[in-house]
N, C-alpha and C. Protein backbone atom coordinates (compact mmCIF):
# COMPACT_ATOMS: atom_id res chain seq x y z
N MET A 1 0.03 10.16 44.21
CA MET A 1 -1.30 10.42 43.74
C MET A 1 -1.36 10.18 42.23
N LEU A 2 -2.44 9.59 41.79
CA LEU A 2 -2.59 9.29 40.37
C LEU A 2 -2.94 10.54 39.58
N ASN A 3 -2.29 10.67 38.46
CA ASN A 3 -2.58 11.77 37.55
C ASN A 3 -3.41 11.20 36.40
N PHE A 4 -4.72 11.42 36.44
CA PHE A 4 -5.61 10.80 35.46
C PHE A 4 -5.41 11.36 34.07
N LYS A 5 -4.97 12.60 33.96
CA LYS A 5 -4.70 13.18 32.65
C LYS A 5 -3.54 12.43 31.98
N LYS A 6 -2.52 12.15 32.77
CA LYS A 6 -1.37 11.42 32.26
C LYS A 6 -1.76 9.99 31.87
N ILE A 7 -2.60 9.37 32.67
CA ILE A 7 -3.04 8.00 32.40
C ILE A 7 -3.85 7.94 31.11
N ARG A 8 -4.76 8.92 30.91
CA ARG A 8 -5.55 8.96 29.68
C ARG A 8 -4.67 9.13 28.45
N LEU A 9 -3.72 10.05 28.53
CA LEU A 9 -2.83 10.28 27.40
C LEU A 9 -1.99 9.03 27.09
N MET A 10 -1.47 8.41 28.12
CA MET A 10 -0.66 7.21 27.92
C MET A 10 -1.49 6.07 27.34
N THR A 11 -2.74 5.97 27.76
CA THR A 11 -3.63 4.93 27.23
C THR A 11 -3.91 5.17 25.75
N LYS A 12 -4.21 6.42 25.37
CA LYS A 12 -4.46 6.74 23.96
C LYS A 12 -3.23 6.43 23.11
N LEU A 13 -2.07 6.80 23.62
CA LEU A 13 -0.84 6.53 22.89
C LEU A 13 -0.58 5.03 22.75
N ALA A 14 -0.81 4.29 23.81
CA ALA A 14 -0.57 2.84 23.76
C ALA A 14 -1.54 2.15 22.80
N VAL A 15 -2.79 2.57 22.80
CA VAL A 15 -3.78 1.97 21.89
C VAL A 15 -3.37 2.23 20.45
N TYR A 16 -2.97 3.46 20.16
CA TYR A 16 -2.55 3.80 18.79
C TYR A 16 -1.30 3.00 18.40
N GLU A 17 -0.33 2.91 19.30
CA GLU A 17 0.91 2.19 18.99
C GLU A 17 0.65 0.72 18.72
N ASN A 18 -0.32 0.13 19.42
CA ASN A 18 -0.59 -1.29 19.24
C ASN A 18 -1.45 -1.58 18.01
N LYS A 19 -2.24 -0.63 17.56
CA LYS A 19 -3.10 -0.88 16.40
C LYS A 19 -2.46 -0.34 15.13
N ASP A 20 -2.72 0.89 14.78
CA ASP A 20 -2.26 1.49 13.53
C ASP A 20 -0.84 2.03 13.62
N GLY A 21 -0.37 2.23 14.80
CA GLY A 21 0.90 2.92 15.00
C GLY A 21 2.09 2.21 14.40
N LYS A 22 2.12 0.90 14.45
CA LYS A 22 3.27 0.16 13.92
C LYS A 22 3.45 0.45 12.44
N GLU A 23 2.38 0.34 11.70
CA GLU A 23 2.47 0.58 10.26
C GLU A 23 2.71 2.06 9.95
N ASP A 24 2.05 2.94 10.69
CA ASP A 24 2.23 4.37 10.44
C ASP A 24 3.65 4.82 10.74
N ILE A 25 4.22 4.31 11.81
CA ILE A 25 5.60 4.66 12.14
C ILE A 25 6.55 4.09 11.09
N HIS A 26 6.25 2.90 10.59
CA HIS A 26 7.06 2.32 9.51
C HIS A 26 6.96 3.17 8.24
N LEU A 27 5.77 3.66 7.93
CA LEU A 27 5.59 4.51 6.74
C LEU A 27 6.28 5.85 6.88
N SER A 28 6.43 6.32 8.09
CA SER A 28 7.04 7.63 8.29
C SER A 28 8.52 7.64 7.93
N LYS A 29 9.11 6.48 7.77
CA LYS A 29 10.52 6.40 7.39
C LYS A 29 10.73 6.71 5.91
N TYR A 30 9.65 6.72 5.12
CA TYR A 30 9.74 6.95 3.68
C TYR A 30 9.26 8.35 3.34
N TYR A 31 9.80 8.89 2.25
CA TYR A 31 9.17 10.04 1.63
C TYR A 31 7.95 9.54 0.89
N LYS A 32 6.99 10.40 0.67
CA LYS A 32 5.75 9.98 0.01
C LYS A 32 6.04 9.42 -1.39
N THR A 33 6.85 10.12 -2.15
CA THR A 33 7.11 9.67 -3.53
C THR A 33 7.82 8.32 -3.55
N ASP A 34 8.77 8.12 -2.63
CA ASP A 34 9.46 6.83 -2.59
C ASP A 34 8.52 5.71 -2.22
N TYR A 35 7.68 5.94 -1.22
CA TYR A 35 6.74 4.91 -0.79
C TYR A 35 5.75 4.56 -1.89
N VAL A 36 5.18 5.60 -2.51
CA VAL A 36 4.17 5.35 -3.55
C VAL A 36 4.80 4.67 -4.75
N ARG A 37 5.99 5.10 -5.15
CA ARG A 37 6.66 4.46 -6.30
C ARG A 37 6.94 2.99 -6.02
N PHE A 38 7.41 2.70 -4.82
CA PHE A 38 7.71 1.31 -4.46
C PHE A 38 6.46 0.45 -4.50
N GLN A 39 5.36 0.97 -3.96
CA GLN A 39 4.11 0.21 -3.95
C GLN A 39 3.55 0.05 -5.37
N VAL A 40 3.68 1.08 -6.21
CA VAL A 40 3.22 0.97 -7.59
C VAL A 40 4.06 -0.07 -8.33
N LEU A 41 5.35 -0.06 -8.10
CA LEU A 41 6.22 -1.05 -8.73
C LEU A 41 5.85 -2.47 -8.30
N LYS A 42 5.59 -2.66 -7.02
CA LYS A 42 5.16 -3.97 -6.54
C LYS A 42 3.83 -4.38 -7.17
N SER A 43 2.91 -3.42 -7.31
CA SER A 43 1.62 -3.73 -7.91
C SER A 43 1.77 -4.11 -9.38
N ILE A 44 2.64 -3.41 -10.09
CA ILE A 44 2.84 -3.72 -11.51
C ILE A 44 3.49 -5.09 -11.67
N ILE A 45 4.46 -5.41 -10.83
CA ILE A 45 5.10 -6.73 -10.90
C ILE A 45 4.09 -7.83 -10.58
N THR A 46 3.28 -7.62 -9.57
CA THR A 46 2.26 -8.60 -9.20
C THR A 46 1.23 -8.76 -10.31
N ALA A 47 0.81 -7.64 -10.91
CA ALA A 47 -0.16 -7.71 -12.01
C ALA A 47 0.44 -8.42 -13.21
N THR A 48 1.72 -8.23 -13.47
CA THR A 48 2.39 -8.90 -14.58
C THR A 48 2.43 -10.41 -14.36
N ILE A 49 2.76 -10.80 -13.14
CA ILE A 49 2.78 -12.24 -12.83
C ILE A 49 1.38 -12.82 -12.97
N GLY A 50 0.38 -12.14 -12.43
CA GLY A 50 -1.00 -12.61 -12.55
C GLY A 50 -1.45 -12.68 -13.99
N TYR A 51 -1.11 -11.68 -14.77
CA TYR A 51 -1.50 -11.66 -16.18
C TYR A 51 -0.83 -12.82 -16.93
N GLY A 52 0.44 -13.05 -16.63
CA GLY A 52 1.14 -14.18 -17.26
C GLY A 52 0.50 -15.51 -16.89
N LEU A 53 0.09 -15.66 -15.64
CA LEU A 53 -0.57 -16.90 -15.22
C LEU A 53 -1.91 -17.08 -15.93
N ILE A 54 -2.67 -16.00 -16.06
CA ILE A 54 -3.96 -16.09 -16.73
C ILE A 54 -3.77 -16.44 -18.21
N ILE A 55 -2.81 -15.80 -18.87
CA ILE A 55 -2.53 -16.12 -20.27
C ILE A 55 -2.10 -17.57 -20.40
N GLY A 56 -1.27 -18.03 -19.47
CA GLY A 56 -0.85 -19.44 -19.50
C GLY A 56 -2.03 -20.39 -19.34
N LEU A 57 -2.95 -20.07 -18.46
CA LEU A 57 -4.14 -20.92 -18.28
C LEU A 57 -5.01 -20.92 -19.54
N ILE A 58 -5.15 -19.75 -20.16
CA ILE A 58 -5.94 -19.68 -21.39
C ILE A 58 -5.29 -20.51 -22.48
N VAL A 59 -3.96 -20.43 -22.59
CA VAL A 59 -3.25 -21.22 -23.61
C VAL A 59 -3.43 -22.71 -23.35
N PHE A 60 -3.31 -23.14 -22.10
CA PHE A 60 -3.49 -24.56 -21.80
C PHE A 60 -4.92 -25.01 -22.06
N TYR A 61 -5.87 -24.15 -21.76
CA TYR A 61 -7.28 -24.49 -21.97
C TYR A 61 -7.58 -24.62 -23.47
N ARG A 62 -7.00 -23.74 -24.27
CA ARG A 62 -7.26 -23.73 -25.71
C ARG A 62 -6.16 -24.44 -26.51
N MET A 63 -5.38 -25.30 -25.88
CA MET A 63 -4.24 -25.94 -26.53
C MET A 63 -4.64 -26.74 -27.77
N GLU A 64 -5.72 -27.48 -27.70
CA GLU A 64 -6.15 -28.28 -28.84
C GLU A 64 -6.44 -27.39 -30.04
N TYR A 65 -7.17 -26.32 -29.81
CA TYR A 65 -7.48 -25.37 -30.89
C TYR A 65 -6.20 -24.74 -31.45
N LEU A 66 -5.29 -24.37 -30.59
CA LEU A 66 -4.05 -23.74 -31.02
C LEU A 66 -3.19 -24.69 -31.84
N ILE A 67 -3.15 -25.96 -31.47
CA ILE A 67 -2.35 -26.93 -32.22
C ILE A 67 -2.98 -27.20 -33.58
N LYS A 68 -4.32 -27.33 -33.62
CA LYS A 68 -5.00 -27.60 -34.90
C LYS A 68 -4.83 -26.44 -35.87
N ASN A 69 -4.87 -25.22 -35.37
CA ASN A 69 -4.84 -24.04 -36.24
C ASN A 69 -3.52 -23.28 -36.16
N ALA A 70 -2.44 -23.95 -35.83
CA ALA A 70 -1.15 -23.29 -35.64
C ALA A 70 -0.66 -22.62 -36.92
N VAL A 71 -1.00 -23.18 -38.07
CA VAL A 71 -0.50 -22.64 -39.33
C VAL A 71 -1.32 -21.43 -39.78
N VAL A 72 -2.62 -21.41 -39.49
CA VAL A 72 -3.49 -20.35 -40.02
C VAL A 72 -3.76 -19.22 -39.04
N LEU A 73 -3.25 -19.31 -37.82
CA LEU A 73 -3.49 -18.25 -36.85
C LEU A 73 -2.76 -16.97 -37.24
N ASP A 74 -3.39 -15.84 -36.95
CA ASP A 74 -2.77 -14.53 -37.19
C ASP A 74 -2.05 -14.13 -35.90
N TYR A 75 -0.77 -14.47 -35.82
CA TYR A 75 -0.01 -14.25 -34.60
C TYR A 75 0.22 -12.78 -34.31
N LYS A 76 0.30 -11.98 -35.36
CA LYS A 76 0.48 -10.55 -35.16
C LYS A 76 -0.74 -9.95 -34.46
N LEU A 77 -1.95 -10.31 -34.93
CA LEU A 77 -3.18 -9.82 -34.31
C LEU A 77 -3.32 -10.36 -32.89
N LEU A 78 -3.00 -11.63 -32.70
CA LEU A 78 -3.07 -12.25 -31.38
C LEU A 78 -2.10 -11.56 -30.41
N GLY A 79 -0.88 -11.30 -30.86
CA GLY A 79 0.11 -10.61 -30.04
C GLY A 79 -0.32 -9.19 -29.71
N THR A 80 -0.96 -8.52 -30.69
CA THR A 80 -1.44 -7.16 -30.46
C THR A 80 -2.52 -7.15 -29.38
N TYR A 81 -3.44 -8.11 -29.43
CA TYR A 81 -4.48 -8.20 -28.41
C TYR A 81 -3.87 -8.47 -27.02
N VAL A 82 -2.97 -9.43 -26.96
CA VAL A 82 -2.36 -9.78 -25.68
C VAL A 82 -1.60 -8.59 -25.12
N LEU A 83 -0.82 -7.91 -25.95
CA LEU A 83 -0.06 -6.75 -25.51
C LEU A 83 -0.98 -5.59 -25.11
N GLY A 84 -2.04 -5.39 -25.89
CA GLY A 84 -2.99 -4.32 -25.57
C GLY A 84 -3.69 -4.53 -24.24
N PHE A 85 -4.16 -5.76 -24.01
CA PHE A 85 -4.80 -6.05 -22.73
C PHE A 85 -3.79 -5.97 -21.58
N TYR A 86 -2.55 -6.36 -21.85
CA TYR A 86 -1.51 -6.25 -20.82
C TYR A 86 -1.28 -4.79 -20.45
N LEU A 87 -1.15 -3.94 -21.44
CA LEU A 87 -0.93 -2.52 -21.17
C LEU A 87 -2.12 -1.90 -20.43
N MET A 88 -3.34 -2.28 -20.80
CA MET A 88 -4.51 -1.79 -20.07
C MET A 88 -4.51 -2.27 -18.62
N THR A 89 -4.17 -3.52 -18.42
CA THR A 89 -4.13 -4.09 -17.08
C THR A 89 -3.09 -3.37 -16.23
N ILE A 90 -1.90 -3.18 -16.77
CA ILE A 90 -0.83 -2.53 -16.04
C ILE A 90 -1.21 -1.08 -15.72
N THR A 91 -1.84 -0.41 -16.67
CA THR A 91 -2.25 0.98 -16.45
C THR A 91 -3.28 1.07 -15.34
N ILE A 92 -4.26 0.20 -15.37
CA ILE A 92 -5.32 0.22 -14.35
C ILE A 92 -4.73 -0.09 -12.98
N PHE A 93 -3.91 -1.14 -12.88
CA PHE A 93 -3.32 -1.50 -11.59
C PHE A 93 -2.37 -0.41 -11.11
N GLY A 94 -1.58 0.16 -12.01
CA GLY A 94 -0.64 1.20 -11.63
C GLY A 94 -1.33 2.45 -11.11
N LEU A 95 -2.34 2.90 -11.84
CA LEU A 95 -3.07 4.09 -11.40
C LEU A 95 -3.84 3.84 -10.10
N GLY A 96 -4.43 2.66 -10.00
CA GLY A 96 -5.13 2.31 -8.76
C GLY A 96 -4.19 2.29 -7.56
N ALA A 97 -3.00 1.71 -7.76
CA ALA A 97 -2.02 1.68 -6.68
C ALA A 97 -1.53 3.09 -6.36
N LEU A 98 -1.34 3.90 -7.38
CA LEU A 98 -0.88 5.27 -7.17
C LEU A 98 -1.86 6.06 -6.31
N VAL A 99 -3.13 5.97 -6.65
CA VAL A 99 -4.15 6.70 -5.90
C VAL A 99 -4.33 6.10 -4.50
N GLY A 100 -4.45 4.79 -4.44
CA GLY A 100 -4.70 4.13 -3.15
C GLY A 100 -3.59 4.32 -2.15
N TYR A 101 -2.36 4.09 -2.57
CA TYR A 101 -1.24 4.22 -1.63
C TYR A 101 -0.93 5.66 -1.30
N SER A 102 -1.23 6.57 -2.21
CA SER A 102 -1.06 7.99 -1.90
C SER A 102 -2.04 8.40 -0.81
N MET A 103 -3.29 7.96 -0.93
CA MET A 103 -4.29 8.26 0.10
C MET A 103 -3.91 7.60 1.43
N LYS A 104 -3.40 6.38 1.36
CA LYS A 104 -3.01 5.67 2.58
C LYS A 104 -1.87 6.41 3.29
N TYR A 105 -0.90 6.91 2.53
CA TYR A 105 0.22 7.64 3.11
C TYR A 105 -0.26 8.93 3.76
N ASP A 106 -1.16 9.65 3.07
CA ASP A 106 -1.68 10.90 3.63
C ASP A 106 -2.45 10.65 4.93
N ALA A 107 -3.26 9.61 4.94
CA ALA A 107 -4.02 9.28 6.16
C ALA A 107 -3.06 8.90 7.29
N SER A 108 -2.02 8.19 6.95
CA SER A 108 -1.02 7.80 7.95
C SER A 108 -0.34 9.03 8.54
N ARG A 109 -0.03 10.02 7.71
CA ARG A 109 0.61 11.24 8.20
C ARG A 109 -0.31 12.01 9.14
N LYS A 110 -1.61 12.04 8.82
CA LYS A 110 -2.56 12.73 9.70
C LYS A 110 -2.61 12.05 11.07
N LYS A 111 -2.65 10.72 11.06
CA LYS A 111 -2.69 9.99 12.34
C LYS A 111 -1.39 10.19 13.12
N LEU A 112 -0.28 10.24 12.41
CA LEU A 112 1.00 10.45 13.08
C LEU A 112 1.10 11.85 13.68
N SER A 113 0.55 12.84 12.99
CA SER A 113 0.61 14.20 13.55
C SER A 113 -0.22 14.27 14.84
N ARG A 114 -1.36 13.59 14.87
CA ARG A 114 -2.16 13.53 16.10
C ARG A 114 -1.37 12.82 17.20
N TYR A 115 -0.69 11.75 16.84
CA TYR A 115 0.13 10.99 17.79
C TYR A 115 1.23 11.88 18.39
N PHE A 116 1.90 12.66 17.54
CA PHE A 116 2.97 13.51 18.04
C PHE A 116 2.42 14.66 18.90
N ARG A 117 1.23 15.15 18.58
CA ARG A 117 0.60 16.16 19.45
C ARG A 117 0.33 15.58 20.83
N LEU A 118 -0.17 14.35 20.86
CA LEU A 118 -0.41 13.70 22.16
C LEU A 118 0.89 13.49 22.91
N LEU A 119 1.96 13.15 22.20
CA LEU A 119 3.25 12.98 22.87
C LEU A 119 3.73 14.29 23.47
N LYS A 120 3.53 15.39 22.76
CA LYS A 120 3.94 16.69 23.29
C LYS A 120 3.12 17.06 24.52
N ARG A 121 1.82 16.75 24.49
CA ARG A 121 0.97 17.02 25.66
C ARG A 121 1.44 16.18 26.84
N LEU A 122 1.78 14.93 26.57
CA LEU A 122 2.27 14.06 27.64
C LEU A 122 3.58 14.59 28.21
N GLU A 123 4.44 15.09 27.35
CA GLU A 123 5.69 15.67 27.83
C GLU A 123 5.43 16.88 28.71
N LYS A 124 4.46 17.71 28.33
CA LYS A 124 4.10 18.87 29.16
C LYS A 124 3.58 18.42 30.53
N VAL A 125 2.77 17.38 30.53
CA VAL A 125 2.23 16.86 31.80
C VAL A 125 3.38 16.35 32.67
N TYR A 126 4.33 15.65 32.07
CA TYR A 126 5.49 15.18 32.84
C TYR A 126 6.31 16.34 33.38
N ASN A 127 6.49 17.37 32.55
CA ASN A 127 7.27 18.54 33.01
C ASN A 127 6.55 19.25 34.16
N GLU A 128 5.24 19.36 34.05
CA GLU A 128 4.46 20.01 35.13
C GLU A 128 4.55 19.21 36.41
N SER A 129 4.47 17.88 36.30
CA SER A 129 4.53 17.05 37.49
C SER A 129 5.93 17.04 38.11
N SER A 130 6.97 17.17 37.28
CA SER A 130 8.32 17.20 37.84
C SER A 130 8.59 18.53 38.54
N HIS A 131 7.97 19.62 38.05
CA HIS A 131 8.13 20.92 38.71
C HIS A 131 7.37 20.96 40.04
N ASP A 132 6.26 20.24 40.10
CA ASP A 132 5.46 20.23 41.32
C ASP A 132 6.13 19.44 42.44
N SER A 133 6.96 18.47 42.08
CA SER A 133 7.58 17.60 43.09
C SER A 133 8.65 18.25 43.86
C-alpha cells in the first residue's frame, strides 16, 4: 500500500536537493567566518583585477596626453588619486561581499535546518512503517 505521507516528504526532499540543496549542502561544509572571508578575498582580488584593467584602459586612451605632458605631470597627485579610488573601490566591494555572503550563508542555514527537519520526519515515517510490518 502506498504511504502518501512518505511520498510527499520524499518529493519535497528531492526537489530541494535538485534545486538549492546542492549549493546549501556545499556551504554547510564551511564555518560562516571561513566562507565569508574566502568570498570577500575573492571579491577583493576580482575588484583589483578589474580596477587594474580599467586603469590600463584609461592610460591607453589618454596615452597621447600622457606622452606630451610626461615632464609636467604631478605624479604624486596622480598616484594619490589612483590609490584613493582603489582603496574606496576595495572597501565598497569588500563590505558588499561581507554583507551579501553573510546573508547568503544565513539563508542557506535556514533552508538546511528545514531540510534536516524533513529528513527526521521521513525517518519517523520509515520507523513507523517498519514497526507496522
